[in-house]
Amino acid sequence: MSNHVVIKNVFAKNLFRFGENGFKVNFENGLTIVTGENGLGKSTILDALSIALFNSSYRKLNKADWVNNINKKGLFVSVEIDVVSGTNVSNYVVINEPKAKEEVLRRRIVKDGVLLDHIADIQNYIENSILGFTENIFTNSIAVSSNTPF
């Protein structure tokens, strides 16, 4: 039986024009469609997901430009994911606090409320143990759904 990846929500603060209060998007059951005029943050939601999961923006923007240019405070992004395998559900929170000029990433994974601090290759773990797909698959997907597997 295959796993189903359910993206529950994404949170970001100090990302692009969003400041310290940030934003949180909860993905409801079924297909989530985001609409709005230019400049309201639709693509920023995809960027936040991509930065949390792949340490790369969806639009391939310069890493130094991710941080809010007014307050210049620390960027924080997280995504909550349920991985459903049969009747078993594992809850993950992937956290990324990227620094534009530091090589050391401040990335963490919490599984079912427990910090996984033993993972040597976080990106490999995210792609192979949580998601089951790579950044390339993510950026080429046309819909994000919380109730349907990718």
C-alpha atoms as a PDB file:
ATOM      1  CA  MET A   1       0.000   0.000   0.000  1.00  0.00           C
ATOM      2  CA  SER A   2       1.369   3.426  -0.896  1.00  0.00           C
ATOM      3  CA  ASN A   3       1.693   6.407   1.412  1.00  0.00           C
ATOM      4  CA  HIS A   4      -0.466   9.496   1.057  1.00  0.00           C
ATOM      5  CA  VAL A   5       1.091  12.868   1.781  1.00  0.00           C
ATOM      6  CA  VAL A   6      -1.372  15.343   3.287  1.00  0.00           C
ATOM      7  CA  ILE A   7      -0.087  18.916   3.582  1.00  0.00           C
ATOM      8  CA  LYS A   8      -2.047  20.356   6.507  1.00  0.00           C
ATOM      9  CA  ASN A   9      -0.660  23.879   6.710  1.00  0.00           C
ATOM     10  CA  VAL A  10       2.238  26.170   5.993  1.00  0.00           C
ATOM     11  CA  PHE A  11       3.442  29.027   8.197  1.00  0.00           C
ATOM     12  CA  ALA A  12       5.975  31.734   7.410  1.00  0.00           C
ATOM     13  CA  LYS A  13       7.174  34.914   9.046  1.00  0.00           C
ATOM     14  CA  ASN A  14       9.583  37.504   7.716  1.00  0.00           C
ATOM     15  CA  LEU A  15       9.236  36.035   4.241  1.00  0.00           C
ATOM     16  CA  PHE A  16       9.294  38.649   1.469  1.00  0.00           C
ATOM     17  CA  ARG A  17       6.804  41.389   2.349  1.00  0.00           C
ATOM     18  CA  PHE A  18       5.268  39.480   5.255  1.00  0.00           C
ATOM     19  CA  GLY A  19       6.715  40.638   8.574  1.00  0.00           C
ATOM     20  CA  GLU A  20       6.949  39.323  12.105  1.00  0.00           C
ATOM     21  CA  ASN A  21       3.248  38.342  12.261  1.00  0.00           C
ATOM     22  CA  GLY A  22       3.655  36.253   9.122  1.00  0.00           C
ATOM     23  CA  PHE A  23       0.925  34.142   7.625  1.00  0.00           C
ATOM     24  CA  LYS A  24      -0.512  30.681   8.030  1.00  0.00           C
ATOM     25  CA  VAL A  25      -2.448  28.835   5.370  1.00  0.00           C
ATOM     26  CA  ASN A  26      -4.513  25.834   6.431  1.00  0.00           C
ATOM     27  CA  PHE A  27      -5.260  23.436   3.618  1.00  0.00           C
ATOM     28  CA  GLU A  28      -8.783  22.132   3.988  1.00  0.00           C
ATOM     29  CA  ASN A  29     -10.044  18.703   2.984  1.00  0.00           C
ATOM     30  CA  GLY A  30     -10.293  18.430  -0.762  1.00  0.00           C
ATOM     31  CA  LEU A  31      -8.653  20.680  -3.287  1.00  0.00           C
ATOM     32  CA  THR A  32      -7.401  24.056  -2.091  1.00  0.00           C
ATOM     33  CA  ILE A  33      -7.506  26.814  -4.684  1.00  0.00           C
ATOM     34  CA  VAL A  34      -5.832  30.144  -4.024  1.00  0.00           C
ATOM     35  CA  THR A  35      -6.975  33.120  -6.077  1.00  0.00           C
ATOM     36  CA  GLY A  36      -6.378  36.845  -5.884  1.00  0.00           C
ATOM     37  CA  GLU A  37      -4.910  39.855  -7.577  1.00  0.00           C
ATOM     38  CA  ASN A  38      -1.209  40.221  -8.343  1.00  0.00           C
ATOM     39  CA  GLY A  39       1.011  40.952  -5.375  1.00  0.00           C
ATOM     40  CA  LEU A  40      -1.211  39.459  -2.676  1.00  0.00           C
ATOM     41  CA  GLY A  41       1.033  36.477  -1.900  1.00  0.00           C
ATOM     42  CA  LYS A  42      -0.269  33.503  -3.892  1.00  0.00           C
ATOM     43  CA  SER A  43       3.191  32.560  -5.151  1.00  0.00           C
ATOM     44  CA  THR A  44       4.611  33.261  -1.698  1.00  0.00           C
ATOM     45  CA  ILE A  45       2.583  30.322  -0.379  1.00  0.00           C
ATOM     46  CA  LEU A  46       4.345  28.042  -2.874  1.00  0.00           C
ATOM     47  CA  ASP A  47       7.677  29.654  -1.995  1.00  0.00           C
ATOM     48  CA  ALA A  48       7.066  29.000   1.718  1.00  0.00           C
ATOM     49  CA  LEU A  49       6.274  25.335   1.041  1.00  0.00           C
ATOM     50  CA  SER A  50       9.336  24.970  -1.163  1.00  0.00           C
ATOM     51  CA  ILE A  51      11.662  26.748   1.283  1.00  0.00           C
ATOM     52  CA  ALA A  52      10.462  24.584   4.167  1.00  0.00           C
ATOM     53  CA  LEU A  53      10.709  21.335   2.239  1.00  0.00           C
ATOM     54  CA  PHE A  54      13.614  21.895  -0.166  1.00  0.00           C
ATOM     55  CA  ASN A  55      15.502  24.987   1.091  1.00  0.00           C
ATOM     56  CA  SER A  56      14.838  26.519  -2.315  1.00  0.00           C
ATOM     57  CA  SER A  57      12.187  29.005  -3.382  1.00  0.00           C
ATOM     58  CA  TYR A  58       9.526  27.886  -5.845  1.00  0.00           C
ATOM     59  CA  ARG A  59      10.379  30.814  -8.136  1.00  0.00           C
ATOM     60  CA  LYS A  60      14.150  30.223  -7.851  1.00  0.00           C
ATOM     61  CA  LEU A  61      14.735  33.610  -6.239  1.00  0.00           C
ATOM     62  CA  ASN A  62      18.008  34.647  -4.633  1.00  0.00           C
ATOM     63  CA  LYS A  63      18.212  33.326  -1.070  1.00  0.00           C
ATOM     64  CA  ALA A  64      19.258  36.749   0.248  1.00  0.00           C
ATOM     65  CA  ASP A  65      15.940  38.162  -1.049  1.00  0.00           C
ATOM     66  CA  TRP A  66      13.761  35.755   0.927  1.00  0.00           C
ATOM     67  CA  VAL A  67      14.013  37.722   4.191  1.00  0.00           C
ATOM     68  CA  ASN A  68      11.630  40.636   4.708  1.00  0.00           C
ATOM     69  CA  ASN A  69      13.516  43.699   3.469  1.00  0.00           C
ATOM     70  CA  ILE A  70      11.985  46.094   6.011  1.00  0.00           C
ATOM     71  CA  ASN A  71      12.686  44.472   9.356  1.00  0.00           C
ATOM     72  CA  LYS A  72      15.521  42.151   8.200  1.00  0.00           C
ATOM     73  CA  LYS A  73      14.643  39.756  11.013  1.00  0.00           C
ATOM     74  CA  GLY A  74      14.974  36.000  10.970  1.00  0.00           C
ATOM     75  CA  LEU A  75      13.065  34.086   8.373  1.00  0.00           C
ATOM     76  CA  PHE A  76      11.038  31.167   9.700  1.00  0.00           C
ATOM     77  CA  VAL A  77       9.008  28.714   7.622  1.00  0.00           C
ATOM     78  CA  SER A  78       7.310  25.498   8.607  1.00  0.00           C
ATOM     79  CA  VAL A  79       5.006  22.990   7.020  1.00  0.00           C
ATOM     80  CA  GLU A  80       2.874  20.401   8.779  1.00  0.00           C
ATOM     81  CA  ILE A  81       2.342  17.131   6.955  1.00  0.00           C
ATOM     82  CA  ASP A  82       0.503  13.928   7.718  1.00  0.00           C
ATOM     83  CA  VAL A  83       1.805  10.787   6.061  1.00  0.00           C
ATOM     84  CA  VAL A  84      -0.911   8.154   5.863  1.00  0.00           C
ATOM     85  CA  SER A  85       0.105   4.537   5.330  1.00  0.00           C
ATOM     86  CA  GLY A  86      -2.872   2.224   5.608  1.00  0.00           C
ATOM     87  CA  THR A  87      -4.369   2.975   9.031  1.00  0.00           C
ATOM     88  CA  ASN A  88      -1.146   4.510  10.390  1.00  0.00           C
ATOM     89  CA  VAL A  89      -0.800   8.307  10.384  1.00  0.00           C
ATOM     90  CA  SER A  90       2.502  10.011  11.172  1.00  0.00           C
ATOM     91  CA  ASN A  91       2.522  13.756  11.737  1.00  0.00           C
ATOM     92  CA  TYR A  92       5.601  15.744  10.685  1.00  0.00           C
ATOM     93  CA  VAL A  93       6.527  19.370  11.103  1.00  0.00           C
ATOM     94  CA  VAL A  94       9.426  20.482   8.929  1.00  0.00           C
ATOM     95  CA  ILE A  95      11.017  23.734  10.070  1.00  0.00           C
ATOM     96  CA  ASN A  96      13.528  25.846   8.197  1.00  0.00           C
ATOM     97  CA  GLU A  97      15.169  29.036   9.409  1.00  0.00           C
ATOM     98  CA  PRO A  98      17.529  29.715   6.508  1.00  0.00           C
ATOM     99  CA  LYS A  99      20.260  32.301   6.755  1.00  0.00           C
ATOM    100  CA  ALA A 100      21.315  34.050   3.555  1.00  0.00           C
ATOM    101  CA  LYS A 101      25.055  33.900   4.212  1.00  0.00           C
ATOM    102  CA  GLU A 102      25.483  30.952   6.564  1.00  0.00           C
ATOM    103  CA  GLU A 103      26.338  27.498   5.332  1.00  0.00           C
ATOM    104  CA  VAL A 104      24.796  25.818   8.389  1.00  0.00           C
ATOM    105  CA  LEU A 105      21.070  25.404   7.893  1.00  0.00           C
ATOM    106  CA  ARG A 106      18.735  25.630  10.829  1.00  0.00           C
ATOM    107  CA  ARG A 107      16.412  22.857   9.698  1.00  0.00           C
ATOM    108  CA  ARG A 108      14.522  20.552  11.997  1.00  0.00           C
ATOM    109  CA  ILE A 109      12.024  17.749  11.679  1.00  0.00           C
ATOM    110  CA  VAL A 110       9.520  16.862  14.368  1.00  0.00           C
ATOM    111  CA  LYS A 111       7.714  13.530  14.033  1.00  0.00           C
ATOM    112  CA  ASP A 112       4.662  12.894  16.193  1.00  0.00           C
ATOM    113  CA  GLY A 113       5.830  15.594  18.619  1.00  0.00           C
ATOM    114  CA  VAL A 114       9.420  14.321  18.932  1.00  0.00           C
ATOM    115  CA  LEU A 115      12.408  16.181  17.496  1.00  0.00           C
ATOM    116  CA  LEU A 116      14.372  13.930  15.145  1.00  0.00           C
ATOM    117  CA  ASP A 117      17.866  15.126  15.978  1.00  0.00           C
ATOM    118  CA  HIS A 118      19.709  12.058  14.682  1.00  0.00           C
ATOM    119  CA  ILE A 119      19.187  12.631  10.942  1.00  0.00           C
ATOM    120  CA  ALA A 120      22.445  13.115   9.045  1.00  0.00           C
ATOM    121  CA  ASP A 121      20.916  14.156   5.713  1.00  0.00           C
ATOM    122  CA  ILE A 122      17.726  16.097   6.358  1.00  0.00           C
ATOM    123  CA  GLN A 123      16.952  16.721   2.680  1.00  0.00           C
ATOM    124  CA  ASN A 124      17.220  13.036   1.843  1.00  0.00           C
ATOM    125  CA  TYR A 125      14.969  12.188   4.792  1.00  0.00           C
ATOM    126  CA  ILE A 126      12.335  14.736   3.710  1.00  0.00           C
ATOM    127  CA  GLU A 127      12.286  13.525   0.115  1.00  0.00           C
ATOM    128  CA  ASN A 128      12.489   9.778   0.749  1.00  0.00           C
ATOM    129  CA  SER A 129      10.960   9.142   4.182  1.00  0.00           C
ATOM    130  CA  ILE A 130       8.289  11.842   4.366  1.00  0.00           C
ATOM    131  CA  LEU A 131       7.276  13.024   0.911  1.00  0.00           C
ATOM    132  CA  GLY A 132       8.242  10.259  -1.462  1.00  0.00           C
ATOM    133  CA  PHE A 133       9.022  12.846  -4.142  1.00  0.00           C
ATOM    134  CA  THR A 134      11.700  15.379  -5.026  1.00  0.00           C
ATOM    135  CA  GLU A 135      11.751  19.130  -5.549  1.00  0.00           C
ATOM    136  CA  ASN A 136      11.445  18.594  -9.302  1.00  0.00           C
ATOM    137  CA  ILE A 137       8.132  16.748  -8.854  1.00  0.00           C
ATOM    138  CA  PHE A 138       6.915  19.458  -6.465  1.00  0.00           C
ATOM    139  CA  THR A 139       7.717  22.351  -8.796  1.00  0.00           C
ATOM    140  CA  ASN A 140       6.084  20.572 -11.714  1.00  0.00           C
ATOM    141  CA  SER A 141       2.850  19.774  -9.861  1.00  0.00           C
ATOM    142  CA  ILE A 142      -0.127  21.859 -10.872  1.00  0.00           C
ATOM    143  CA  ALA A 143      -2.268  21.345  -7.796  1.00  0.00           C
ATOM    144  CA  VAL A 144      -1.676  20.998  -4.084  1.00  0.00           C
ATOM    145  CA  SER A 145      -4.347  18.991  -2.330  1.00  0.00           C
ATOM    146  CA  SER A 146      -4.679  18.062   1.306  1.00  0.00           C
ATOM    147  CA  ASN A 147      -6.974  15.091   0.758  1.00  0.00           C
ATOM    148  CA  THR A 148      -5.572  13.514  -2.379  1.00  0.00           C
ATOM    149  CA  PRO A 149      -2.119  11.979  -2.750  1.00  0.00           C
ATOM    150  CA  PHE A 150       0.378  13.655  -5.030  1.00  0.00           C
END
